Amino acid sequence: MAQQTLDEKLIWKELEKIADPEIPVLTLVEMKVIRSVRVQDNQVTVVISPTYVGCPAMDAMKDEIRSRLRDLGCEQINLETTFAPPWSTEMLDETTREKLRSFGIAPPAKHKGDLAATLAAPVPCPFCHSEKTHMESSFGPTLCRQIYYCDTCRQSFDRFKPL
């Protein structure tokens, strides 16, 4: 079997299959964790940006990226981490936000730089869309989520923290 030619399009296609380890309904590409891909000679460089500095899932993400690229035939894999510009929930498109909502996680509201006002605004329930909700805990199952409760449908749900 002939080895396929490695190019950016092929690499991106494979990376688009990698689920976020903490939110499996989304991929690392949809989450904008994977920022860029470069292919030069036999070396593939993938630039990634964590949602939080010290994200505990980074090692799992890196391992999955390396594994997928090795399976494609990449021999030299360079993973670079960047914090500039910092990852922000403003990067998430509407399709990604809707996937979060459908999964039962309240998506982060667009804040356009006014994070304090966004954090003070009501959080609609992803199940019944009621704004009669309240925060139960500012810390959820992962660093990027909070726990809320809907007083209308009586469901607990996570909110993806706006950043």
N, C-alpha and C. Protein backbone atom coordinates (compact mmCIF):
# COMPACT_ATOMS: atom_id res chain seq x y z
N MET A 1 0.85 -1.17 0.00
CA MET A 1 0.00 0.00 0.00
C MET A 1 0.89 1.23 0.00
N ALA A 2 0.65 2.15 -0.91
CA ALA A 2 1.46 3.37 -1.00
C ALA A 2 1.14 4.31 0.15
N GLN A 3 2.19 4.95 0.67
CA GLN A 3 2.00 5.91 1.74
C GLN A 3 1.37 7.18 1.18
N GLN A 4 0.38 7.72 1.89
CA GLN A 4 -0.29 8.92 1.41
C GLN A 4 0.59 10.14 1.67
N THR A 5 0.45 11.12 0.81
CA THR A 5 1.20 12.35 0.94
C THR A 5 0.60 13.18 2.07
N LEU A 6 1.48 13.61 2.98
CA LEU A 6 1.02 14.42 4.09
C LEU A 6 0.91 15.87 3.65
N ASP A 7 -0.27 16.43 3.81
CA ASP A 7 -0.45 17.85 3.56
C ASP A 7 -1.38 18.41 4.64
N GLU A 8 -1.48 19.73 4.70
CA GLU A 8 -2.28 20.36 5.75
C GLU A 8 -3.74 19.92 5.71
N LYS A 9 -4.28 19.77 4.53
CA LYS A 9 -5.70 19.39 4.40
C LYS A 9 -5.94 18.01 5.03
N LEU A 10 -5.06 17.06 4.75
CA LEU A 10 -5.17 15.72 5.32
C LEU A 10 -5.02 15.76 6.85
N ILE A 11 -4.06 16.53 7.31
CA ILE A 11 -3.83 16.65 8.76
C ILE A 11 -5.07 17.24 9.43
N TRP A 12 -5.59 18.35 8.89
CA TRP A 12 -6.79 18.97 9.47
C TRP A 12 -7.96 18.00 9.49
N LYS A 13 -8.13 17.24 8.42
CA LYS A 13 -9.23 16.28 8.34
C LYS A 13 -9.16 15.27 9.48
N GLU A 14 -7.94 14.82 9.78
CA GLU A 14 -7.76 13.87 10.89
C GLU A 14 -7.96 14.55 12.25
N LEU A 15 -7.43 15.76 12.41
CA LEU A 15 -7.56 16.46 13.69
C LEU A 15 -9.02 16.81 13.99
N GLU A 16 -9.82 17.00 12.97
CA GLU A 16 -11.24 17.31 13.15
C GLU A 16 -12.01 16.15 13.78
N LYS A 17 -11.40 14.99 13.87
CA LYS A 17 -12.04 13.81 14.46
C LYS A 17 -11.76 13.66 15.95
N ILE A 18 -10.87 14.47 16.50
CA ILE A 18 -10.46 14.29 17.89
C ILE A 18 -11.44 15.01 18.82
N ALA A 19 -12.13 14.23 19.64
CA ALA A 19 -13.09 14.78 20.59
C ALA A 19 -12.36 15.45 21.76
N ASP A 20 -12.96 16.52 22.25
CA ASP A 20 -12.45 17.15 23.47
C ASP A 20 -12.63 16.14 24.60
N PRO A 21 -11.59 15.88 25.39
CA PRO A 21 -11.71 14.85 26.43
C PRO A 21 -12.69 15.20 27.55
N GLU A 22 -13.00 16.49 27.71
CA GLU A 22 -13.93 16.89 28.76
C GLU A 22 -15.34 17.17 28.25
N ILE A 23 -15.46 17.43 26.95
CA ILE A 23 -16.76 17.69 26.34
C ILE A 23 -16.79 16.91 25.03
N PRO A 24 -17.07 15.61 25.10
CA PRO A 24 -16.91 14.73 23.93
C PRO A 24 -17.81 15.04 22.75
N VAL A 25 -18.81 15.88 22.92
CA VAL A 25 -19.68 16.24 21.80
C VAL A 25 -18.99 17.24 20.86
N LEU A 26 -17.87 17.80 21.30
CA LEU A 26 -17.11 18.78 20.52
C LEU A 26 -15.72 18.25 20.21
N THR A 27 -15.18 18.71 19.09
CA THR A 27 -13.81 18.34 18.74
C THR A 27 -12.85 19.44 19.17
N LEU A 28 -11.57 19.10 19.19
CA LEU A 28 -10.55 20.11 19.52
C LEU A 28 -10.51 21.22 18.48
N VAL A 29 -10.87 20.89 17.25
CA VAL A 29 -10.92 21.92 16.20
C VAL A 29 -12.11 22.85 16.45
N GLU A 30 -13.28 22.28 16.76
CA GLU A 30 -14.46 23.11 17.06
C GLU A 30 -14.23 23.99 18.27
N MET A 31 -13.49 23.48 19.25
CA MET A 31 -13.20 24.25 20.47
C MET A 31 -12.12 25.30 20.24
N LYS A 32 -11.49 25.30 19.08
CA LYS A 32 -10.42 26.23 18.73
C LYS A 32 -9.18 26.02 19.60
N VAL A 33 -9.05 24.80 20.14
CA VAL A 33 -7.84 24.43 20.88
C VAL A 33 -6.70 24.23 19.88
N ILE A 34 -7.01 23.62 18.75
CA ILE A 34 -6.01 23.48 17.69
C ILE A 34 -6.05 24.75 16.87
N ARG A 35 -4.94 25.48 16.88
CA ARG A 35 -4.90 26.79 16.23
C ARG A 35 -4.38 26.74 14.80
N SER A 36 -3.33 25.95 14.57
CA SER A 36 -2.76 25.91 13.22
C SER A 36 -1.99 24.62 13.01
N VAL A 37 -1.76 24.35 11.72
CA VAL A 37 -1.01 23.17 11.30
C VAL A 37 -0.03 23.61 10.23
N ARG A 38 1.21 23.12 10.35
CA ARG A 38 2.22 23.35 9.32
C ARG A 38 2.86 22.02 8.96
N VAL A 39 3.05 21.81 7.68
CA VAL A 39 3.74 20.61 7.20
C VAL A 39 4.94 21.08 6.41
N GLN A 40 6.12 20.66 6.85
CA GLN A 40 7.34 21.02 6.14
C GLN A 40 8.22 19.78 6.08
N ASP A 41 8.51 19.37 4.84
CA ASP A 41 9.25 18.13 4.62
C ASP A 41 8.49 16.99 5.30
N ASN A 42 9.12 16.30 6.23
CA ASN A 42 8.45 15.21 6.94
C ASN A 42 8.00 15.60 8.34
N GLN A 43 8.06 16.88 8.66
CA GLN A 43 7.70 17.33 10.00
C GLN A 43 6.34 18.03 9.99
N VAL A 44 5.50 17.62 10.94
CA VAL A 44 4.19 18.26 11.13
C VAL A 44 4.22 19.01 12.45
N THR A 45 3.86 20.28 12.40
CA THR A 45 3.77 21.11 13.60
C THR A 45 2.31 21.48 13.82
N VAL A 46 1.82 21.20 15.01
CA VAL A 46 0.46 21.56 15.39
C VAL A 46 0.56 22.53 16.56
N VAL A 47 -0.08 23.69 16.40
CA VAL A 47 -0.09 24.70 17.46
C VAL A 47 -1.41 24.58 18.20
N ILE A 48 -1.31 24.42 19.52
CA ILE A 48 -2.50 24.27 20.35
C ILE A 48 -2.54 25.34 21.43
N SER A 49 -3.73 25.61 21.90
CA SER A 49 -3.92 26.60 22.97
C SER A 49 -4.94 26.04 23.95
N PRO A 50 -4.56 25.90 25.21
CA PRO A 50 -5.51 25.37 26.18
C PRO A 50 -6.59 26.39 26.51
N THR A 51 -7.74 25.89 26.93
CA THR A 51 -8.81 26.79 27.35
C THR A 51 -8.42 27.51 28.64
N TYR A 52 -7.63 26.86 29.46
CA TYR A 52 -7.11 27.43 30.71
C TYR A 52 -5.64 27.08 30.83
N VAL A 53 -4.85 28.00 31.37
CA VAL A 53 -3.46 27.68 31.67
C VAL A 53 -3.50 26.58 32.73
N GLY A 54 -2.75 25.53 32.52
CA GLY A 54 -2.76 24.41 33.47
C GLY A 54 -3.93 23.47 33.28
N CYS A 55 -4.56 23.50 32.12
CA CYS A 55 -5.69 22.61 31.82
C CYS A 55 -5.24 21.17 32.05
N PRO A 56 -5.93 20.42 32.91
CA PRO A 56 -5.51 19.04 33.21
C PRO A 56 -5.67 18.08 32.04
N ALA A 57 -6.41 18.48 31.01
CA ALA A 57 -6.64 17.59 29.87
C ALA A 57 -5.59 17.77 28.77
N MET A 58 -4.67 18.70 28.91
CA MET A 58 -3.69 18.97 27.84
C MET A 58 -2.86 17.75 27.48
N ASP A 59 -2.41 17.00 28.46
CA ASP A 59 -1.59 15.82 28.14
C ASP A 59 -2.40 14.80 27.35
N ALA A 60 -3.66 14.61 27.72
CA ALA A 60 -4.52 13.67 26.98
C ALA A 60 -4.72 14.16 25.54
N MET A 61 -4.91 15.47 25.38
CA MET A 61 -5.09 16.04 24.04
C MET A 61 -3.83 15.84 23.20
N LYS A 62 -2.69 16.13 23.77
CA LYS A 62 -1.42 15.97 23.05
C LYS A 62 -1.19 14.52 22.66
N ASP A 63 -1.47 13.60 23.58
CA ASP A 63 -1.29 12.18 23.29
C ASP A 63 -2.18 11.75 22.12
N GLU A 64 -3.43 12.22 22.11
CA GLU A 64 -4.35 11.85 21.04
C GLU A 64 -3.91 12.45 19.70
N ILE A 65 -3.44 13.68 19.71
CA ILE A 65 -2.94 14.31 18.48
C ILE A 65 -1.77 13.51 17.93
N ARG A 66 -0.80 13.19 18.80
CA ARG A 66 0.37 12.41 18.37
C ARG A 66 -0.05 11.05 17.80
N SER A 67 -0.95 10.38 18.49
CA SER A 67 -1.40 9.06 18.06
C SER A 67 -2.06 9.13 16.69
N ARG A 68 -2.94 10.08 16.50
CA ARG A 68 -3.64 10.22 15.20
C ARG A 68 -2.66 10.53 14.07
N LEU A 69 -1.69 11.41 14.36
CA LEU A 69 -0.73 11.78 13.32
C LEU A 69 0.22 10.63 13.00
N ARG A 70 0.61 9.86 14.01
CA ARG A 70 1.44 8.68 13.75
C ARG A 70 0.70 7.68 12.87
N ASP A 71 -0.60 7.52 13.15
CA ASP A 71 -1.42 6.60 12.35
C ASP A 71 -1.50 7.05 10.89
N LEU A 72 -1.34 8.34 10.64
CA LEU A 72 -1.32 8.86 9.27
C LEU A 72 0.04 8.67 8.60
N GLY A 73 1.04 8.31 9.40
CA GLY A 73 2.38 8.13 8.85
C GLY A 73 3.34 9.26 9.19
N CYS A 74 2.92 10.16 10.03
CA CYS A 74 3.82 11.26 10.44
C CYS A 74 4.89 10.70 11.37
N GLU A 75 6.12 10.98 11.06
CA GLU A 75 7.22 10.50 11.89
C GLU A 75 7.76 11.59 12.80
N GLN A 76 7.78 12.82 12.32
CA GLN A 76 8.27 13.94 13.12
C GLN A 76 7.08 14.84 13.46
N ILE A 77 6.70 14.83 14.72
CA ILE A 77 5.54 15.60 15.18
C ILE A 77 6.01 16.59 16.23
N ASN A 78 5.70 17.85 15.98
CA ASN A 78 6.06 18.91 16.91
C ASN A 78 4.77 19.57 17.39
N LEU A 79 4.52 19.52 18.70
CA LEU A 79 3.36 20.19 19.28
C LEU A 79 3.83 21.44 20.00
N GLU A 80 3.30 22.56 19.59
CA GLU A 80 3.64 23.84 20.23
C GLU A 80 2.42 24.36 20.96
N THR A 81 2.63 24.87 22.16
CA THR A 81 1.55 25.46 22.94
C THR A 81 1.70 26.97 22.88
N THR A 82 0.58 27.64 22.62
CA THR A 82 0.60 29.10 22.60
C THR A 82 -0.47 29.64 23.54
N PHE A 83 -0.19 30.79 24.09
CA PHE A 83 -1.15 31.49 24.94
C PHE A 83 -1.47 32.87 24.36
N ALA A 84 -1.00 33.10 23.14
CA ALA A 84 -1.20 34.41 22.51
C ALA A 84 -1.76 34.22 21.10
N PRO A 85 -2.92 34.72 20.82
CA PRO A 85 -3.82 35.34 21.80
C PRO A 85 -4.39 34.27 22.72
N PRO A 86 -4.78 34.67 23.92
CA PRO A 86 -5.33 33.68 24.84
C PRO A 86 -6.64 33.12 24.31
N TRP A 87 -6.88 31.86 24.63
CA TRP A 87 -8.13 31.22 24.22
C TRP A 87 -9.29 31.97 24.87
N SER A 88 -10.36 32.11 24.15
CA SER A 88 -11.54 32.81 24.66
C SER A 88 -12.80 32.13 24.14
N THR A 89 -13.85 32.18 24.92
CA THR A 89 -15.12 31.64 24.46
C THR A 89 -15.69 32.46 23.31
N GLU A 90 -15.19 33.64 23.09
CA GLU A 90 -15.60 34.45 21.95
C GLU A 90 -15.23 33.77 20.63
N MET A 91 -14.27 32.86 20.67
CA MET A 91 -13.83 32.14 19.48
C MET A 91 -14.84 31.10 19.00
N LEU A 92 -15.73 30.68 19.88
CA LEU A 92 -16.67 29.61 19.56
C LEU A 92 -17.76 30.12 18.63
N ASP A 93 -18.01 29.38 17.55
CA ASP A 93 -19.06 29.81 16.62
C ASP A 93 -20.43 29.32 17.11
N GLU A 94 -21.47 29.74 16.43
CA GLU A 94 -22.84 29.40 16.84
C GLU A 94 -23.12 27.90 16.76
N THR A 95 -22.55 27.22 15.79
CA THR A 95 -22.74 25.78 15.67
C THR A 95 -22.18 25.06 16.90
N THR A 96 -21.01 25.49 17.34
CA THR A 96 -20.39 24.90 18.53
C THR A 96 -21.22 25.20 19.77
N ARG A 97 -21.71 26.42 19.88
CA ARG A 97 -22.55 26.79 21.03
C ARG A 97 -23.83 25.94 21.05
N GLU A 98 -24.41 25.70 19.89
CA GLU A 98 -25.63 24.90 19.82
C GLU A 98 -25.34 23.44 20.19
N LYS A 99 -24.18 22.92 19.81
CA LYS A 99 -23.82 21.56 20.20
C LYS A 99 -23.71 21.44 21.71
N LEU A 100 -23.14 22.46 22.36
CA LEU A 100 -23.07 22.47 23.82
C LEU A 100 -24.48 22.43 24.41
N ARG A 101 -25.35 23.31 23.92
CA ARG A 101 -26.72 23.40 24.42
C ARG A 101 -27.45 22.06 24.24
N SER A 102 -27.30 21.46 23.08
CA SER A 102 -27.96 20.17 22.81
C SER A 102 -27.44 19.06 23.72
N PHE A 103 -26.20 19.20 24.14
CA PHE A 103 -25.58 18.22 25.03
C PHE A 103 -25.99 18.44 26.49
N GLY A 104 -26.67 19.57 26.77
CA GLY A 104 -27.12 19.86 28.13
C GLY A 104 -26.20 20.79 28.89
N ILE A 105 -25.31 21.47 28.19
CA ILE A 105 -24.41 22.45 28.81
C ILE A 105 -24.80 23.82 28.28
N ALA A 106 -25.08 24.74 29.19
CA ALA A 106 -25.40 26.11 28.78
C ALA A 106 -24.15 26.71 28.14
N PRO A 107 -24.26 27.14 26.90
CA PRO A 107 -23.08 27.70 26.23
C PRO A 107 -22.72 29.06 26.82
N PRO A 108 -21.47 29.46 26.68
CA PRO A 108 -21.08 30.77 27.19
C PRO A 108 -21.70 31.87 26.34
N ALA A 109 -22.22 32.89 27.02
CA ALA A 109 -22.78 34.03 26.30
C ALA A 109 -21.64 34.83 25.68
N LYS A 110 -21.94 35.49 24.58
CA LYS A 110 -20.96 36.40 23.97
C LYS A 110 -20.82 37.59 24.91
N HIS A 111 -19.58 37.96 25.22
CA HIS A 111 -19.39 39.07 26.15
C HIS A 111 -18.79 40.31 25.50
N LYS A 112 -18.18 40.16 24.35
CA LYS A 112 -17.59 41.28 23.61
C LYS A 112 -16.74 42.18 24.50
N GLY A 113 -16.05 41.56 25.45
CA GLY A 113 -15.12 42.30 26.29
C GLY A 113 -15.70 42.74 27.63
N ASP A 114 -17.02 42.68 27.82
CA ASP A 114 -17.64 43.07 29.08
C ASP A 114 -18.00 41.81 29.86
N LEU A 115 -16.98 41.19 30.41
CA LEU A 115 -17.16 39.91 31.09
C LEU A 115 -18.00 40.05 32.36
N ALA A 116 -17.83 41.16 33.09
CA ALA A 116 -18.59 41.34 34.33
C ALA A 116 -20.09 41.36 34.07
N ALA A 117 -20.53 42.07 33.03
CA ALA A 117 -21.96 42.12 32.70
C ALA A 117 -22.45 40.75 32.27
N THR A 118 -21.65 40.02 31.53
CA THR A 118 -22.04 38.68 31.08
C THR A 118 -22.19 37.74 32.25
N LEU A 119 -21.29 37.81 33.21
CA LEU A 119 -21.36 36.93 34.38
C LEU A 119 -22.56 37.26 35.26
N ALA A 120 -23.03 38.51 35.23
CA ALA A 120 -24.18 38.93 36.03
C ALA A 120 -25.52 38.62 35.35
N ALA A 121 -25.51 38.37 34.05
CA ALA A 121 -26.74 38.13 33.30
C ALA A 121 -27.32 36.75 33.62
N PRO A 122 -28.64 36.59 33.47
CA PRO A 122 -29.25 35.27 33.68
C PRO A 122 -28.67 34.23 32.72
N VAL A 123 -28.63 32.99 33.18
CA VAL A 123 -28.12 31.89 32.35
C VAL A 123 -29.32 31.02 31.95
N PRO A 124 -29.68 31.02 30.67
CA PRO A 124 -30.82 30.20 30.23
C PRO A 124 -30.53 28.71 30.37
N CYS A 125 -31.53 27.99 30.83
CA CYS A 125 -31.43 26.54 30.96
C CYS A 125 -31.33 25.92 29.56
N PRO A 126 -30.38 25.00 29.36
CA PRO A 126 -30.26 24.37 28.03
C PRO A 126 -31.39 23.40 27.72
N PHE A 127 -32.18 23.04 28.73
CA PHE A 127 -33.26 22.08 28.52
C PHE A 127 -34.60 22.76 28.21
N CYS A 128 -34.99 23.73 29.06
CA CYS A 128 -36.30 24.37 28.86
C CYS A 128 -36.19 25.84 28.46
N HIS A 129 -34.98 26.37 28.44
CA HIS A 129 -34.67 27.75 28.03
C HIS A 129 -35.13 28.82 29.02
N SER A 130 -35.60 28.41 30.18
CA SER A 130 -36.00 29.37 31.20
C SER A 130 -34.78 30.13 31.72
N GLU A 131 -34.99 31.38 32.08
CA GLU A 131 -33.92 32.15 32.70
C GLU A 131 -34.05 32.16 34.22
N LYS A 132 -34.99 31.38 34.75
CA LYS A 132 -35.16 31.25 36.19
C LYS A 132 -34.19 30.17 36.67
N THR A 133 -32.93 30.53 36.69
CA THR A 133 -31.86 29.61 37.07
C THR A 133 -30.98 30.28 38.12
N HIS A 134 -30.25 29.49 38.82
CA HIS A 134 -29.28 30.05 39.77
C HIS A 134 -28.05 29.13 39.85
N MET A 135 -26.94 29.75 40.21
CA MET A 135 -25.68 29.00 40.33
C MET A 135 -25.68 28.20 41.62
N GLU A 136 -25.34 26.95 41.50
CA GLU A 136 -25.17 26.07 42.66
C GLU A 136 -23.71 26.04 43.09
N SER A 137 -22.81 26.08 42.11
CA SER A 137 -21.38 26.05 42.42
C SER A 137 -20.61 26.74 41.30
N SER A 138 -19.67 27.59 41.66
CA SER A 138 -18.86 28.26 40.64
C SER A 138 -17.81 27.31 40.05
N PHE A 139 -17.72 26.11 40.63
CA PHE A 139 -16.79 25.10 40.11
C PHE A 139 -17.57 23.85 39.76
N GLY A 140 -17.46 23.45 38.49
CA GLY A 140 -18.16 22.27 38.00
C GLY A 140 -17.23 21.08 37.90
N PRO A 141 -17.59 20.10 37.07
CA PRO A 141 -16.77 18.90 36.93
C PRO A 141 -15.43 19.16 36.25
N THR A 142 -15.31 20.29 35.58
CA THR A 142 -14.03 20.69 34.99
C THR A 142 -13.82 22.17 35.30
N LEU A 143 -12.60 22.65 35.11
CA LEU A 143 -12.29 24.05 35.40
C LEU A 143 -13.10 25.03 34.57
N CYS A 144 -13.53 24.62 33.41
CA CYS A 144 -14.22 25.53 32.50
C CYS A 144 -15.73 25.55 32.67
N ARG A 145 -16.24 24.88 33.71
CA ARG A 145 -17.69 24.81 33.87
C ARG A 145 -18.14 25.15 35.29
N GLN A 146 -19.39 25.62 35.39
CA GLN A 146 -20.05 25.92 36.65
C GLN A 146 -21.31 25.06 36.71
N ILE A 147 -21.84 24.87 37.92
CA ILE A 147 -23.07 24.09 38.08
C ILE A 147 -24.22 25.05 38.37
N TYR A 148 -25.27 24.91 37.57
CA TYR A 148 -26.49 25.71 37.73
C TYR A 148 -27.68 24.80 37.97
N TYR A 149 -28.76 25.41 38.45
CA TYR A 149 -30.02 24.71 38.67
C TYR A 149 -31.14 25.53 38.06
N CYS A 150 -32.05 24.86 37.35
CA CYS A 150 -33.20 25.52 36.74
C CYS A 150 -34.39 25.37 37.69
N ASP A 151 -34.95 26.50 38.11
CA ASP A 151 -36.11 26.48 39.00
C ASP A 151 -37.39 26.13 38.25
N THR A 152 -37.38 26.17 36.94
CA THR A 152 -38.58 25.86 36.15
C THR A 152 -38.69 24.36 35.88
N CYS A 153 -37.67 23.76 35.27
CA CYS A 153 -37.75 22.33 34.95
C CYS A 153 -37.05 21.46 36.00
N ARG A 154 -36.44 22.10 36.99
CA ARG A 154 -35.80 21.41 38.12
C ARG A 154 -34.65 20.50 37.71
N GLN A 155 -33.93 20.93 36.69
CA GLN A 155 -32.77 20.17 36.22
C GLN A 155 -31.49 20.90 36.61
N SER A 156 -30.52 20.15 37.05
CA SER A 156 -29.17 20.71 37.20
C SER A 156 -28.52 20.69 35.84
N PHE A 157 -27.66 21.65 35.60
CA PHE A 157 -26.91 21.67 34.35
C PHE A 157 -25.60 22.42 34.54
N ASP A 158 -24.69 22.14 33.64
CA ASP A 158 -23.41 22.83 33.63
C ASP A 158 -23.53 24.05 32.74
N ARG A 159 -22.76 25.06 33.09
CA ARG A 159 -22.60 26.24 32.24
C ARG A 159 -21.14 26.31 31.87
N PHE A 160 -20.87 26.47 30.59
CA PHE A 160 -19.49 26.69 30.15
C PHE A 160 -19.16 28.13 30.51
N LYS A 161 -18.12 28.33 31.31
CA LYS A 161 -17.78 29.68 31.78
C LYS A 161 -17.35 30.57 30.61
N PRO A 162 -17.91 31.78 30.55
CA PRO A 162 -17.44 32.71 29.53
C PRO A 162 -16.05 33.24 29.91
N LEU A 163 -15.19 33.31 28.95
CA LEU A 163 -13.82 33.83 29.17
C LEU A 163 -13.53 34.87 28.13
